[in-house]
PDB file of N, CA and C in Angstrom:
ATOM      1  N   MET A   1       0.838  -1.193   0.000  1.00  0.00           N
ATOM      2  CA  MET A   1       0.000   0.000   0.000  1.00  0.00           C
ATOM      3  C   MET A   1       0.876   1.246   0.000  1.00  0.00           C
ATOM      4  N   ARG A   2       1.324   1.623  -1.159  1.00  0.00           N
ATOM      5  CA  ARG A   2       2.154   2.812  -1.231  1.00  0.00           C
ATOM      6  C   ARG A   2       1.304   3.998  -1.663  1.00  0.00           C
ATOM      7  N   GLY A   3       1.777   5.182  -1.362  1.00  0.00           N
ATOM      8  CA  GLY A   3       0.996   6.385  -1.613  1.00  0.00           C
ATOM      9  C   GLY A   3       1.042   6.792  -3.070  1.00  0.00           C
ATOM     10  N   LYS A   4       0.404   7.923  -3.332  1.00  0.00           N
ATOM     11  CA  LYS A   4       0.316   8.418  -4.696  1.00  0.00           C
ATOM     12  C   LYS A   4       1.626   9.056  -5.126  1.00  0.00           C
ATOM     13  N   ASN A   5       2.175   9.901  -4.262  1.00  0.00           N
ATOM     14  CA  ASN A   5       3.424  10.571  -4.586  1.00  0.00           C
ATOM     15  C   ASN A   5       4.482  10.175  -3.560  1.00  0.00           C
ATOM     16  N   ALA A   6       5.410   9.347  -3.976  1.00  0.00           N
ATOM     17  CA  ALA A   6       6.419   8.829  -3.053  1.00  0.00           C
ATOM     18  C   ALA A   6       7.408   9.907  -2.637  1.00  0.00           C
ATOM     19  N   LEU A   7       7.480  10.972  -3.401  1.00  0.00           N
ATOM     20  CA  LEU A   7       8.423  12.029  -3.071  1.00  0.00           C
ATOM     21  C   LEU A   7       7.939  12.881  -1.902  1.00  0.00           C
ATOM     22  N   GLU A   8       6.635  12.916  -1.690  1.00  0.00           N
ATOM     23  CA  GLU A   8       6.125  13.719  -0.591  1.00  0.00           C
ATOM     24  C   GLU A   8       5.657  12.850   0.572  1.00  0.00           C
ATOM     25  N   TYR A   9       4.597  12.077   0.349  1.00  0.00           N
ATOM     26  CA  TYR A   9       4.073  11.215   1.398  1.00  0.00           C
ATOM     27  C   TYR A   9       3.558   9.931   0.764  1.00  0.00           C
ATOM     28  N   ALA A  10       3.901   8.829   1.363  1.00  0.00           N
ATOM     29  CA  ALA A  10       3.468   7.553   0.809  1.00  0.00           C
ATOM     30  C   ALA A  10       2.011   7.292   1.169  1.00  0.00           C
ATOM     31  N   GLU A  11       1.758   6.969   2.389  1.00  0.00           N
ATOM     32  CA  GLU A  11       0.407   6.709   2.838  1.00  0.00           C
ATOM     33  C   GLU A  11       0.111   7.592   4.031  1.00  0.00           C
ATOM     34  N   THR A  12      -1.152   7.717   4.352  1.00  0.00           N
ATOM     35  CA  THR A  12      -1.521   8.469   5.538  1.00  0.00           C
ATOM     36  C   THR A  12      -1.419   7.577   6.760  1.00  0.00           C
ATOM     37  N   SER A  13      -1.384   8.204   7.920  1.00  0.00           N
ATOM     38  CA  SER A  13      -1.316   7.430   9.147  1.00  0.00           C
ATOM     39  C   SER A  13      -2.718   7.177   9.654  1.00  0.00           C
ATOM     40  N   GLU A  14      -3.115   5.927   9.723  1.00  0.00           N
ATOM     41  CA  GLU A  14      -4.439   5.563  10.204  1.00  0.00           C
ATOM     42  C   GLU A  14      -4.304   5.025  11.617  1.00  0.00           C
ATOM     43  N   GLY A  15      -4.398   5.919  12.582  1.00  0.00           N
ATOM     44  CA  GLY A  15      -4.279   5.494  13.962  1.00  0.00           C
ATOM     45  C   GLY A  15      -3.379   6.425  14.755  1.00  0.00           C
ATOM     46  N   GLY A  16      -3.165   7.603  14.269  1.00  0.00           N
ATOM     47  CA  GLY A  16      -2.388   8.583  15.015  1.00  0.00           C
ATOM     48  C   GLY A  16      -0.900   8.527  14.724  1.00  0.00           C
ATOM     49  N   GLY A  17      -0.487   7.710  13.776  1.00  0.00           N
ATOM     50  CA  GLY A  17       0.936   7.642  13.452  1.00  0.00           C
ATOM     51  C   GLY A  17       1.384   8.905  12.721  1.00  0.00           C
ATOM     52  N   LYS A  18       2.598   9.360  13.014  1.00  0.00           N
ATOM     53  CA  LYS A  18       3.094  10.572  12.382  1.00  0.00           C
ATOM     54  C   LYS A  18       3.614  10.271  10.986  1.00  0.00           C
ATOM     55  N   ARG A  19       3.310  11.189  10.045  1.00  0.00           N
ATOM     56  CA  ARG A  19       3.807  10.988   8.689  1.00  0.00           C
ATOM     57  C   ARG A  19       5.244  11.474   8.569  1.00  0.00           C
ATOM     58  N   GLY A  20       5.980  10.940   7.634  1.00  0.00           N
ATOM     59  CA  GLY A  20       7.384  11.301   7.466  1.00  0.00           C
ATOM     60  C   GLY A  20       7.544  12.567   6.651  1.00  0.00           C
ATOM     61  N   LYS A  21       8.783  12.965   6.452  1.00  0.00           N
ATOM     62  CA  LYS A  21       9.073  14.188   5.713  1.00  0.00           C
ATOM     63  C   LYS A  21       9.012  13.935   4.217  1.00  0.00           C
ATOM     64  N   ASN A  22       9.614  12.884   3.760  1.00  0.00           N
ATOM     65  CA  ASN A  22       9.524  12.483   2.365  1.00  0.00           C
ATOM     66  C   ASN A  22       9.868  10.996   2.229  1.00  0.00           C
ATOM     67  N   ALA A  23       9.881  10.513   1.013  1.00  0.00           N
ATOM     68  CA  ALA A  23      10.126   9.088   0.798  1.00  0.00           C
ATOM     69  C   ALA A  23      11.555   8.706   1.169  1.00  0.00           C
ATOM     70  N   LEU A  24      12.453   9.673   1.151  1.00  0.00           N
ATOM     71  CA  LEU A  24      13.828   9.377   1.502  1.00  0.00           C
ATOM     72  C   LEU A  24      14.009   9.212   2.999  1.00  0.00           C
ATOM     73  N   GLU A  25      13.083   9.771   3.761  1.00  0.00           N
ATOM     74  CA  GLU A  25      13.183   9.640   5.204  1.00  0.00           C
ATOM     75  C   GLU A  25      12.156   8.654   5.751  1.00  0.00           C
ATOM     76  N   TYR A  26      10.915   8.745   5.215  1.00  0.00           N
ATOM     77  CA  TYR A  26       9.852   7.881   5.707  1.00  0.00           C
ATOM     78  C   TYR A  26       9.067   7.348   4.525  1.00  0.00           C
ATOM     79  N   ALA A  27       8.995   6.044   4.424  1.00  0.00           N
ATOM     80  CA  ALA A  27       8.313   5.457   3.276  1.00  0.00           C
ATOM     81  C   ALA A  27       6.826   5.290   3.539  1.00  0.00           C
ATOM     82  N   GLU A  28       6.500   4.409   4.434  1.00  0.00           N
ATOM     83  CA  GLU A  28       5.107   4.120   4.722  1.00  0.00           C
ATOM     84  C   GLU A  28       4.741   4.657   6.090  1.00  0.00           C
ATOM     85  N   THR A  29       3.459   4.731   6.348  1.00  0.00           N
ATOM     86  CA  THR A  29       3.000   5.209   7.639  1.00  0.00           C
ATOM     87  C   THR A  29       2.787   4.043   8.581  1.00  0.00           C
ATOM     88  N   SER A  30       2.616   4.374   9.834  1.00  0.00           N
ATOM     89  CA  SER A  30       2.322   3.347  10.814  1.00  0.00           C
ATOM     90  C   SER A  30       0.826   3.308  11.049  1.00  0.00           C
ATOM     91  N   GLU A  31       0.208   2.178  10.823  1.00  0.00           N
ATOM     92  CA  GLU A  31      -1.223   2.032  11.036  1.00  0.00           C
ATOM     93  C   GLU A  31      -1.439   1.417  12.403  1.00  0.00           C
ATOM     94  N   GLY A  32      -1.545   2.263  13.398  1.00  0.00           N
ATOM     95  CA  GLY A  32      -1.739   1.778  14.743  1.00  0.00           C
ATOM     96  C   GLY A  32      -0.769   2.430  15.718  1.00  0.00           C
ATOM     97  N   GLY A  33      -0.153   3.481  15.306  1.00  0.00           N
ATOM     98  CA  GLY A  33       0.730   4.201  16.207  1.00  0.00           C
ATOM     99  C   GLY A  33       2.149   3.668  16.228  1.00  0.00           C
ATOM    100  N   GLY A  34       2.458   2.724  15.347  1.00  0.00           N
ATOM    101  CA  GLY A  34       3.821   2.190  15.325  1.00  0.00           C
ATOM    102  C   GLY A  34       4.807   3.217  14.788  1.00  0.00           C
ATOM    103  N   LYS A  35       6.047   3.121  15.225  1.00  0.00           N
ATOM    104  CA  LYS A  35       7.049   4.085  14.792  1.00  0.00           C
ATOM    105  C   LYS A  35       7.559   3.738  13.397  1.00  0.00           C
ATOM    106  N   ARG A  36       7.740   4.759  12.586  1.00  0.00           N
ATOM    107  CA  ARG A  36       8.250   4.522  11.236  1.00  0.00           C
ATOM    108  C   ARG A  36       9.767   4.519  11.234  1.00  0.00           C
ATOM    109  N   GLY A  37      10.325   4.020  10.158  1.00  0.00           N
ATOM    110  CA  GLY A  37      11.774   3.904  10.075  1.00  0.00           C
ATOM    111  C   GLY A  37      12.433   5.208   9.676  1.00  0.00           C
ATOM    112  N   LYS A  38      13.726   5.149   9.407  1.00  0.00           N
ATOM    113  CA  LYS A  38      14.507   6.344   9.101  1.00  0.00           C
ATOM    114  C   LYS A  38      14.337   6.756   7.646  1.00  0.00           C
ATOM    115  N   ASN A  39      14.411   5.820   6.742  1.00  0.00           N
ATOM    116  CA  ASN A  39      14.160   6.121   5.343  1.00  0.00           C
ATOM    117  C   ASN A  39      13.726   4.852   4.606  1.00  0.00           C
ATOM    118  N   ALA A  40      13.454   5.006   3.327  1.00  0.00           N
ATOM    119  CA  ALA A  40      12.946   3.880   2.560  1.00  0.00           C
ATOM    120  C   ALA A  40      14.007   2.802   2.391  1.00  0.00           C
ATOM    121  N   LEU A  41      15.263   3.192   2.483  1.00  0.00           N
ATOM    122  CA  LEU A  41      16.334   2.215   2.342  1.00  0.00           C
ATOM    123  C   LEU A  41      16.492   1.377   3.605  1.00  0.00           C
ATOM    124  N   GLU A  42      16.059   1.909   4.725  1.00  0.00           N
ATOM    125  CA  GLU A  42      16.179   1.172   5.967  1.00  0.00           C
ATOM    126  C   GLU A  42      14.860   0.550   6.390  1.00  0.00           C
ATOM    127  N   TYR A  43      13.766   1.267   6.131  1.00  0.00           N
ATOM    128  CA  TYR A  43      12.455   0.793   6.549  1.00  0.00           C
ATOM    129  C   TYR A  43      11.492   0.920   5.382  1.00  0.00           C
ATOM    130  N   ALA A  44      10.928  -0.197   4.990  1.00  0.00           N
ATOM    131  CA  ALA A  44      10.069  -0.182   3.799  1.00  0.00           C
ATOM    132  C   ALA A  44       8.597  -0.068   4.154  1.00  0.00           C
ATOM    133  N   GLU A  45       8.092  -1.058   4.839  1.00  0.00           N
ATOM    134  CA  GLU A  45       6.664  -1.116   5.105  1.00  0.00           C
ATOM    135  C   GLU A  45       6.362  -0.662   6.518  1.00  0.00           C
ATOM    136  N   THR A  46       5.090  -0.483   6.790  1.00  0.00           N
ATOM    137  CA  THR A  46       4.681  -0.038   8.105  1.00  0.00           C
ATOM    138  C   THR A  46       4.367  -1.225   8.992  1.00  0.00           C
ATOM    139  N   SER A  47       4.257  -0.945  10.260  1.00  0.00           N
ATOM    140  CA  SER A  47       3.833  -1.982  11.189  1.00  0.00           C
ATOM    141  C   SER A  47       2.363  -1.775  11.493  1.00  0.00           C
ATOM    142  N   GLU A  48       1.536  -2.767  11.193  1.00  0.00           N
ATOM    143  CA  GLU A  48       0.106  -2.661  11.431  1.00  0.00           C
ATOM    144  C   GLU A  48      -0.202  -3.268  12.787  1.00  0.00           C
ATOM    145  N   GLY A  49      -0.242  -2.409  13.790  1.00  0.00           N
ATOM    146  CA  GLY A  49      -0.528  -2.882  15.132  1.00  0.00           C
ATOM    147  C   GLY A  49       0.516  -2.389  16.122  1.00  0.00           C
ATOM    148  N   GLY A  50       1.325  -1.465  15.709  1.00  0.00           N
ATOM    149  CA  GLY A  50       2.312  -0.908  16.618  1.00  0.00           C
ATOM    150  C   GLY A  50       3.601  -1.705  16.679  1.00  0.00           C
ATOM    151  N   GLY A  51       3.716  -2.747  15.867  1.00  0.00           N
ATOM    152  CA  GLY A  51       4.946  -3.532  15.876  1.00  0.00           C
ATOM    153  C   GLY A  51       6.096  -2.766  15.252  1.00  0.00           C
ATOM    154  N   LYS A  52       7.309  -3.067  15.667  1.00  0.00           N
ATOM    155  CA  LYS A  52       8.471  -2.371  15.134  1.00  0.00           C
ATOM    156  C   LYS A  52       8.812  -2.902  13.746  1.00  0.00           C
ATOM    157  N   ARG A  53       9.243  -2.000  12.876  1.00  0.00           N
ATOM    158  CA  ARG A  53       9.607  -2.418  11.525  1.00  0.00           C
ATOM    159  C   ARG A  53      11.025  -2.979  11.503  1.00  0.00           C
ATOM    160  N   GLY A  54      11.338  -3.630  10.417  1.00  0.00           N
ATOM    161  CA  GLY A  54      12.632  -4.299  10.318  1.00  0.00           C
ATOM    162  C   GLY A  54      13.773  -3.340  10.037  1.00  0.00           C
ATOM    163  N   LYS A  55      14.927  -3.881   9.696  1.00  0.00           N
ATOM    164  CA  LYS A  55      16.130  -3.067   9.528  1.00  0.00           C
ATOM    165  C   LYS A  55      16.143  -2.379   8.173  1.00  0.00           C
ATOM    166  N   ASN A  56      15.830  -3.083   7.114  1.00  0.00           N
ATOM    167  CA  ASN A  56      15.708  -2.456   5.810  1.00  0.00           C
ATOM    168  C   ASN A  56      14.831  -3.310   4.902  1.00  0.00           C
ATOM    169  N   ALA A  57      14.586  -2.804   3.707  1.00  0.00           N
ATOM    170  CA  ALA A  57      13.691  -3.495   2.800  1.00  0.00           C
ATOM    171  C   ALA A  57      14.301  -4.804   2.303  1.00  0.00           C
ATOM    172  N   LEU A  58      15.606  -4.881   2.323  1.00  0.00           N
ATOM    173  CA  LEU A  58      16.259  -6.101   1.861  1.00  0.00           C
ATOM    174  C   LEU A  58      16.163  -7.211   2.894  1.00  0.00           C
ATOM    175  N   GLU A  59      16.027  -6.840   4.160  1.00  0.00           N
ATOM    176  CA  GLU A  59      15.926  -7.848   5.202  1.00  0.00           C
ATOM    177  C   GLU A  59      14.488  -8.040   5.654  1.00  0.00           C
ATOM    178  N   TYR A  60      13.729  -6.947   5.653  1.00  0.00           N
ATOM    179  CA  TYR A  60      12.356  -7.006   6.120  1.00  0.00           C
ATOM    180  C   TYR A  60      11.457  -6.383   5.066  1.00  0.00           C
ATOM    181  N   ALA A  61      10.588  -7.184   4.489  1.00  0.00           N
ATOM    182  CA  ALA A  61       9.756  -6.676   3.398  1.00  0.00           C
ATOM    183  C   ALA A  61       8.337  -6.390   3.855  1.00  0.00           C
ATOM    184  N   GLU A  62       7.703  -7.379   4.438  1.00  0.00           N
ATOM    185  CA  GLU A  62       6.305  -7.255   4.792  1.00  0.00           C
ATOM    186  C   GLU A  62       6.147  -6.595   6.148  1.00  0.00           C
ATOM    187  N   THR A  63       4.911  -6.251   6.457  1.00  0.00           N
ATOM    188  CA  THR A  63       4.612  -5.611   7.722  1.00  0.00           C
ATOM    189  C   THR A  63       4.259  -6.662   8.766  1.00  0.00           C
ATOM    190  N   SER A  64       4.239  -6.207  10.004  1.00  0.00           N
ATOM    191  CA  SER A  64       3.807  -7.091  11.070  1.00  0.00           C
ATOM    192  C   SER A  64       2.357  -6.786  11.382  1.00  0.00           C
ATOM    193  N   GLU A  65       1.476  -7.737  11.210  1.00  0.00           N
ATOM    194  CA  GLU A  65       0.052  -7.528  11.443  1.00  0.00           C
ATOM    195  C   GLU A  65      -0.287  -8.032  12.835  1.00  0.00           C
ATOM    196  N   GLY A  66      -0.348  -7.105  13.781  1.00  0.00           N
ATOM    197  CA  GLY A  66      -0.716  -7.477  15.130  1.00  0.00           C
ATOM    198  C   GLY A  66       0.418  -7.219  16.101  1.00  0.00           C
ATOM    199  N   GLY A  67       1.400  -6.464  15.682  1.00  0.00           N
ATOM    200  CA  GLY A  67       2.499  -6.131  16.575  1.00  0.00           C
ATOM    201  C   GLY A  67       3.611  -7.164  16.572  1.00  0.00           C
ATOM    202  N   GLY A  68       3.460  -8.220  15.787  1.00  0.00           N
ATOM    203  CA  GLY A  68       4.516  -9.229  15.724  1.00  0.00           C
ATOM    204  C   GLY A  68       5.696  -8.734  14.915  1.00  0.00           C
ATOM    205  N   LYS A  69       6.867  -9.263  15.197  1.00  0.00           N
ATOM    206  CA  LYS A  69       8.062  -8.844  14.466  1.00  0.00           C
ATOM    207  C   LYS A  69       8.059  -9.443  13.068  1.00  0.00           C
ATOM    208  N   ARG A  70       8.607  -8.684  12.116  1.00  0.00           N
ATOM    209  CA  ARG A  70       8.643  -9.166  10.744  1.00  0.00           C
ATOM    210  C   ARG A  70       9.776 -10.168  10.558  1.00  0.00           C
ATOM    211  N   GLY A  71       9.669 -10.912   9.469  1.00  0.00           N
ATOM    212  CA  GLY A  71      10.665 -11.940   9.220  1.00  0.00           C
ATOM    213  C   GLY A  71      11.979 -11.377   8.728  1.00  0.00           C
ATOM    214  N   LYS A  72      12.921 -12.265   8.421  1.00  0.00           N
ATOM    215  CA  LYS A  72      14.253 -11.817   8.015  1.00  0.00           C
ATOM    216  C   LYS A  72      14.325 -11.545   6.521  1.00  0.00           C
ATOM    217  N   MET A  73      13.698 -12.416   5.750  1.00  0.00           N
ATOM    218  CA  MET A  73      13.738 -12.259   4.305  1.00  0.00           C
ATOM    219  C   MET A  73      12.333 -12.023   3.764  1.00  0.00           C
ATOM    220  N   PRO A  74      12.214 -11.321   2.626  1.00  0.00           N
ATOM    221  CA  PRO A  74      10.897 -11.106   2.021  1.00  0.00           C
ATOM    222  C   PRO A  74      10.344 -12.394   1.438  1.00  0.00           C
TER     223      PRO A  74
END
């Protein structure tokens, strides 16, 4: 679920999560108040349920649905 303009904002925050500055700093939003990553190279997807996101898109691809930690490989 990526946003319309990746250069400005990817997705909105559904649940009080703060949006990032741009795609280089924040890719996806947190749906459930979860913290977003530093940039798209380090954090790709959001955590649905307040779970922490992985280290980067190469190691962590999918989101955690329910606060669970994401896997190592996509």
